[in-house]
Amino acid sequence: MTSSNTTPLSVAIVGAGPSGFYAAEALLKAGATVALIDPVSHAYLPSAQLRAQFEAVGALSRERVITYCGGGIAASSDAFVLTLLGVPNVAVYDGSLLEWAADPTLPMETA
C-alpha cells in the first residue's frame, strides 16, 4: 500500500486481546501489552494514559492504524479510543484473526 506520492504508507497494526492491546512490532520486540479499561470502574482509562500507551507501541506516529483481534469486537474498542484521541486514519480489520487464520495461503507466525 502506498500513499498518493508513491512513498510507502506508514501503518501501525494494533491487536486487541484479553490482556490489552499491542502493536505487532512492539509485541515481537518486547512483549508489550496495555489495557484500555480501568478494572475497578470498568470505564475507559483517562485520555492521557490511553494516549501514552498507544504512543508507546508506535500507533500515534503512523499515517494509518489498523486494529484487529480474534473476530473484530475488541478491535472496535481500540479504533473508538484512537478516534477519540484524534487519530485521523483508523480502520478495523473486521474479519480479524478468525478470517486470516482460515486462509492457509496467508502467513502466520506463532511464538
N, C-alpha and C. Protein backbone atom coordinates (compact mmCIF):
# COMPACT_ATOMS: atom_id res chain seq x y z
N MET A 1 0.84 -1.16 0.00
CA MET A 1 0.00 0.00 0.00
C MET A 1 0.90 1.23 0.00
N THR A 2 0.56 2.20 -0.82
CA THR A 2 1.34 3.43 -0.87
C THR A 2 0.42 4.62 -0.82
N SER A 3 0.97 5.75 -0.42
CA SER A 3 0.20 6.98 -0.44
C SER A 3 0.24 7.55 -1.85
N SER A 4 -0.44 8.63 -2.10
CA SER A 4 -0.57 9.17 -3.44
C SER A 4 0.76 9.60 -4.05
N ASN A 5 1.78 9.88 -3.25
CA ASN A 5 3.06 10.27 -3.81
C ASN A 5 3.99 9.08 -3.98
N THR A 6 3.45 7.86 -3.96
CA THR A 6 4.14 6.58 -4.17
C THR A 6 5.20 6.25 -3.13
N THR A 7 5.21 6.92 -2.01
CA THR A 7 6.10 6.51 -0.92
C THR A 7 5.36 5.51 -0.06
N PRO A 8 6.05 4.58 0.57
CA PRO A 8 5.37 3.60 1.41
C PRO A 8 4.54 4.27 2.51
N LEU A 9 3.37 3.74 2.73
CA LEU A 9 2.48 4.25 3.77
C LEU A 9 2.93 3.69 5.12
N SER A 10 3.04 4.54 6.10
CA SER A 10 3.45 4.12 7.44
C SER A 10 2.21 3.65 8.20
N VAL A 11 2.15 2.35 8.48
CA VAL A 11 0.97 1.74 9.08
C VAL A 11 1.33 1.09 10.41
N ALA A 12 0.48 1.27 11.41
CA ALA A 12 0.60 0.54 12.67
C ALA A 12 -0.51 -0.49 12.70
N ILE A 13 -0.16 -1.74 12.96
CA ILE A 13 -1.14 -2.80 13.14
C ILE A 13 -1.28 -3.00 14.65
N VAL A 14 -2.47 -2.75 15.17
CA VAL A 14 -2.70 -2.82 16.62
C VAL A 14 -3.66 -3.96 16.90
N GLY A 15 -3.19 -4.94 17.67
CA GLY A 15 -4.02 -6.09 18.01
C GLY A 15 -4.63 -5.95 19.39
N ALA A 16 -5.90 -6.27 19.50
CA ALA A 16 -6.59 -6.24 20.79
C ALA A 16 -6.75 -7.66 21.28
N GLY A 17 -6.54 -7.86 22.56
CA GLY A 17 -6.67 -9.20 23.11
C GLY A 17 -7.07 -9.16 24.56
N PRO A 18 -7.16 -10.32 25.18
CA PRO A 18 -7.61 -10.40 26.56
C PRO A 18 -6.74 -9.61 27.53
N SER A 19 -5.45 -9.47 27.23
CA SER A 19 -4.57 -8.75 28.15
C SER A 19 -4.35 -7.31 27.73
N GLY A 20 -5.09 -6.81 26.76
CA GLY A 20 -4.93 -5.43 26.33
C GLY A 20 -4.68 -5.36 24.84
N PHE A 21 -3.97 -4.33 24.42
CA PHE A 21 -3.65 -4.22 23.00
C PHE A 21 -2.15 -4.14 22.83
N TYR A 22 -1.70 -4.35 21.63
CA TYR A 22 -0.28 -4.29 21.35
C TYR A 22 -0.09 -3.95 19.87
N ALA A 23 1.02 -3.40 19.55
CA ALA A 23 1.39 -3.24 18.15
C ALA A 23 2.25 -4.44 17.80
N ALA A 24 2.04 -5.00 16.64
CA ALA A 24 2.73 -6.22 16.27
C ALA A 24 4.24 -6.09 16.43
N GLU A 25 4.83 -4.99 16.00
CA GLU A 25 6.27 -4.79 16.12
C GLU A 25 6.71 -4.76 17.58
N ALA A 26 5.98 -4.06 18.42
CA ALA A 26 6.33 -3.96 19.83
C ALA A 26 6.19 -5.31 20.52
N LEU A 27 5.17 -6.08 20.15
CA LEU A 27 4.98 -7.39 20.75
C LEU A 27 6.17 -8.28 20.44
N LEU A 28 6.62 -8.26 19.21
CA LEU A 28 7.74 -9.10 18.82
C LEU A 28 9.02 -8.69 19.53
N LYS A 29 9.18 -7.37 19.76
CA LYS A 29 10.40 -6.88 20.39
C LYS A 29 10.37 -6.98 21.91
N ALA A 30 9.25 -6.66 22.52
CA ALA A 30 9.25 -6.50 23.97
C ALA A 30 8.08 -7.18 24.68
N GLY A 31 7.16 -7.78 23.96
CA GLY A 31 6.01 -8.39 24.61
C GLY A 31 5.11 -7.37 25.27
N ALA A 32 5.00 -6.16 24.70
CA ALA A 32 4.26 -5.07 25.31
C ALA A 32 2.75 -5.31 25.23
N THR A 33 2.07 -5.19 26.34
CA THR A 33 0.61 -5.18 26.36
C THR A 33 0.16 -4.11 27.34
N VAL A 34 -0.94 -3.50 27.03
CA VAL A 34 -1.53 -2.47 27.88
C VAL A 34 -3.04 -2.60 27.82
N ALA A 35 -3.74 -1.88 28.67
CA ALA A 35 -5.19 -2.01 28.74
C ALA A 35 -5.89 -0.69 28.49
N LEU A 36 -7.13 -0.76 28.01
CA LEU A 36 -7.95 0.42 27.77
C LEU A 36 -8.89 0.72 28.93
N ILE A 37 -9.27 -0.29 29.67
CA ILE A 37 -10.34 -0.20 30.66
C ILE A 37 -9.79 -0.29 32.09
N ASP A 38 -10.29 0.59 32.96
CA ASP A 38 -9.95 0.53 34.37
C ASP A 38 -10.65 -0.70 34.98
N PRO A 39 -9.91 -1.62 35.61
CA PRO A 39 -10.52 -2.84 36.11
C PRO A 39 -11.50 -2.62 37.27
N VAL A 40 -11.41 -1.50 37.96
CA VAL A 40 -12.31 -1.22 39.08
C VAL A 40 -13.59 -0.55 38.60
N SER A 41 -13.45 0.54 37.84
CA SER A 41 -14.62 1.30 37.41
C SER A 41 -15.26 0.77 36.13
N HIS A 42 -14.50 -0.02 35.36
CA HIS A 42 -14.93 -0.54 34.07
C HIS A 42 -15.17 0.57 33.05
N ALA A 43 -14.58 1.73 33.29
CA ALA A 43 -14.63 2.86 32.35
C ALA A 43 -13.30 2.92 31.61
N TYR A 44 -13.30 3.62 30.48
CA TYR A 44 -12.03 3.83 29.79
C TYR A 44 -11.06 4.57 30.71
N LEU A 45 -9.80 4.26 30.59
CA LEU A 45 -8.76 4.98 31.33
C LEU A 45 -8.74 6.43 30.89
N PRO A 46 -8.14 7.34 31.68
CA PRO A 46 -8.04 8.74 31.28
C PRO A 46 -7.31 8.87 29.93
N SER A 47 -7.72 9.86 29.15
CA SER A 47 -7.17 10.02 27.80
C SER A 47 -5.66 10.16 27.78
N ALA A 48 -5.08 10.84 28.76
CA ALA A 48 -3.62 10.99 28.79
C ALA A 48 -2.94 9.62 28.93
N GLN A 49 -3.51 8.75 29.74
CA GLN A 49 -2.95 7.42 29.92
C GLN A 49 -3.12 6.57 28.65
N LEU A 50 -4.29 6.68 28.03
CA LEU A 50 -4.53 5.95 26.78
C LEU A 50 -3.56 6.43 25.70
N ARG A 51 -3.41 7.75 25.59
CA ARG A 51 -2.50 8.33 24.60
C ARG A 51 -1.08 7.81 24.82
N ALA A 52 -0.63 7.80 26.06
CA ALA A 52 0.73 7.35 26.37
C ALA A 52 0.92 5.88 25.98
N GLN A 53 -0.09 5.06 26.23
CA GLN A 53 0.02 3.64 25.91
C GLN A 53 0.06 3.40 24.40
N PHE A 54 -0.81 4.09 23.65
CA PHE A 54 -0.77 3.94 22.20
C PHE A 54 0.52 4.52 21.62
N GLU A 55 1.00 5.59 22.20
CA GLU A 55 2.27 6.17 21.75
C GLU A 55 3.42 5.19 21.99
N ALA A 56 3.39 4.51 23.12
CA ALA A 56 4.46 3.58 23.47
C ALA A 56 4.59 2.43 22.48
N VAL A 57 3.50 2.05 21.83
CA VAL A 57 3.57 0.97 20.84
C VAL A 57 3.64 1.49 19.41
N GLY A 58 3.80 2.81 19.25
CA GLY A 58 4.02 3.39 17.93
C GLY A 58 2.78 3.68 17.12
N ALA A 59 1.60 3.54 17.71
CA ALA A 59 0.37 3.72 16.94
C ALA A 59 0.05 5.17 16.61
N LEU A 60 0.59 6.13 17.36
CA LEU A 60 0.24 7.53 17.12
C LEU A 60 1.17 8.22 16.13
N SER A 61 2.24 7.55 15.74
CA SER A 61 3.20 8.18 14.83
C SER A 61 3.09 7.64 13.41
N ARG A 62 2.03 6.94 13.10
CA ARG A 62 1.85 6.36 11.77
C ARG A 62 0.76 7.07 11.01
N GLU A 63 0.80 6.94 9.69
CA GLU A 63 -0.21 7.56 8.84
C GLU A 63 -1.56 6.85 8.94
N ARG A 64 -1.52 5.56 9.23
CA ARG A 64 -2.74 4.76 9.29
C ARG A 64 -2.58 3.74 10.42
N VAL A 65 -3.69 3.47 11.11
CA VAL A 65 -3.70 2.45 12.15
C VAL A 65 -4.81 1.46 11.81
N ILE A 66 -4.47 0.18 11.81
CA ILE A 66 -5.44 -0.88 11.57
C ILE A 66 -5.50 -1.73 12.83
N THR A 67 -6.69 -1.84 13.40
CA THR A 67 -6.86 -2.63 14.61
C THR A 67 -7.45 -4.00 14.24
N TYR A 68 -7.06 -5.00 15.02
CA TYR A 68 -7.60 -6.34 14.80
C TYR A 68 -7.64 -7.08 16.13
N CYS A 69 -8.31 -8.21 16.16
CA CYS A 69 -8.37 -9.07 17.35
C CYS A 69 -8.75 -10.45 16.87
N GLY A 70 -9.47 -11.20 17.66
CA GLY A 70 -9.90 -12.53 17.24
C GLY A 70 -11.01 -12.49 16.21
N GLY A 71 -11.98 -11.59 16.39
CA GLY A 71 -13.11 -11.54 15.48
C GLY A 71 -13.61 -10.15 15.15
N GLY A 72 -12.96 -9.10 15.65
CA GLY A 72 -13.32 -7.73 15.30
C GLY A 72 -14.01 -6.94 16.41
N ILE A 73 -14.40 -7.60 17.48
CA ILE A 73 -15.15 -6.90 18.54
C ILE A 73 -14.23 -6.04 19.40
N ALA A 74 -13.18 -6.63 19.99
CA ALA A 74 -12.25 -5.86 20.82
C ALA A 74 -11.53 -4.80 20.00
N ALA A 75 -11.27 -5.10 18.73
CA ALA A 75 -10.59 -4.14 17.86
C ALA A 75 -11.42 -2.87 17.66
N SER A 76 -12.73 -3.01 17.74
CA SER A 76 -13.61 -1.84 17.60
C SER A 76 -13.39 -0.86 18.75
N SER A 77 -13.15 -1.37 19.94
CA SER A 77 -12.89 -0.50 21.08
C SER A 77 -11.58 0.26 20.89
N ASP A 78 -10.54 -0.44 20.41
CA ASP A 78 -9.28 0.24 20.12
C ASP A 78 -9.48 1.36 19.10
N ALA A 79 -10.22 1.05 18.04
CA ALA A 79 -10.46 2.05 17.00
C ALA A 79 -11.25 3.24 17.54
N PHE A 80 -12.22 2.97 18.39
CA PHE A 80 -13.01 4.03 19.02
C PHE A 80 -12.11 4.97 19.82
N VAL A 81 -11.25 4.39 20.67
CA VAL A 81 -10.36 5.20 21.50
C VAL A 81 -9.37 5.99 20.63
N LEU A 82 -8.79 5.34 19.63
CA LEU A 82 -7.86 6.05 18.74
C LEU A 82 -8.55 7.23 18.06
N THR A 83 -9.80 7.05 17.65
CA THR A 83 -10.55 8.14 17.03
C THR A 83 -10.80 9.27 18.03
N LEU A 84 -11.16 8.92 19.27
CA LEU A 84 -11.34 9.94 20.31
C LEU A 84 -10.05 10.70 20.59
N LEU A 85 -8.91 10.01 20.44
CA LEU A 85 -7.61 10.65 20.65
C LEU A 85 -7.18 11.52 19.46
N GLY A 86 -7.99 11.53 18.41
CA GLY A 86 -7.70 12.40 17.27
C GLY A 86 -6.92 11.75 16.14
N VAL A 87 -6.74 10.44 16.19
CA VAL A 87 -6.05 9.77 15.09
C VAL A 87 -6.99 9.76 13.89
N PRO A 88 -6.57 10.34 12.75
CA PRO A 88 -7.50 10.56 11.65
C PRO A 88 -7.73 9.37 10.72
N ASN A 89 -6.84 8.40 10.68
CA ASN A 89 -6.93 7.33 9.69
C ASN A 89 -6.88 5.97 10.40
N VAL A 90 -8.03 5.55 10.93
CA VAL A 90 -8.14 4.32 11.70
C VAL A 90 -9.10 3.37 11.01
N ALA A 91 -8.74 2.10 10.95
CA ALA A 91 -9.61 1.09 10.36
C ALA A 91 -9.65 -0.12 11.28
N VAL A 92 -10.73 -0.89 11.20
CA VAL A 92 -10.87 -2.16 11.91
C VAL A 92 -10.84 -3.27 10.88
N TYR A 93 -9.94 -4.23 11.06
CA TYR A 93 -9.97 -5.44 10.23
C TYR A 93 -11.06 -6.31 10.83
N ASP A 94 -12.27 -6.18 10.30
CA ASP A 94 -13.43 -6.80 10.94
C ASP A 94 -13.41 -8.32 10.90
N GLY A 95 -12.74 -8.92 9.96
CA GLY A 95 -12.62 -10.37 9.95
C GLY A 95 -11.58 -10.86 10.93
N SER A 96 -10.63 -10.00 11.21
CA SER A 96 -9.55 -10.25 12.17
C SER A 96 -8.93 -11.63 12.01
N LEU A 97 -8.38 -12.17 13.11
CA LEU A 97 -7.66 -13.43 13.03
C LEU A 97 -8.55 -14.61 12.64
N LEU A 98 -9.83 -14.52 12.94
CA LEU A 98 -10.75 -15.59 12.56
C LEU A 98 -10.73 -15.78 11.04
N GLU A 99 -10.80 -14.69 10.31
CA GLU A 99 -10.76 -14.74 8.85
C GLU A 99 -9.35 -15.06 8.35
N TRP A 100 -8.33 -14.38 8.91
CA TRP A 100 -6.95 -14.55 8.45
C TRP A 100 -6.48 -15.99 8.62
N ALA A 101 -6.70 -16.56 9.80
CA ALA A 101 -6.21 -17.90 10.10
C ALA A 101 -6.92 -18.98 9.29
N ALA A 102 -8.10 -18.70 8.79
CA ALA A 102 -8.85 -19.67 8.00
C ALA A 102 -8.29 -19.83 6.59
N ASP A 103 -7.42 -18.92 6.15
CA ASP A 103 -6.84 -18.98 4.81
C ASP A 103 -5.40 -19.49 4.91
N PRO A 104 -5.16 -20.74 4.54
CA PRO A 104 -3.82 -21.32 4.68
C PRO A 104 -2.77 -20.67 3.79
N THR A 105 -3.19 -19.85 2.84
CA THR A 105 -2.21 -19.20 1.97
C THR A 105 -1.63 -17.93 2.58
N LEU A 106 -2.21 -17.45 3.70
CA LEU A 106 -1.73 -16.24 4.35
C LEU A 106 -0.67 -16.59 5.40
N PRO A 107 0.32 -15.72 5.56
CA PRO A 107 1.39 -16.00 6.55
C PRO A 107 0.87 -15.91 7.97
N MET A 108 1.40 -16.79 8.83
CA MET A 108 1.04 -16.76 10.25
C MET A 108 2.24 -17.26 11.03
N GLU A 109 2.65 -16.47 11.99
CA GLU A 109 3.76 -16.87 12.85
C GLU A 109 3.26 -16.96 14.28
N THR A 110 3.76 -17.91 15.01
CA THR A 110 3.44 -18.05 16.42
C THR A 110 4.75 -18.10 17.20
N ALA A 111 4.68 -17.70 18.43
CA ALA A 111 5.89 -17.68 19.27
C ALA A 111 6.19 -19.06 19.82
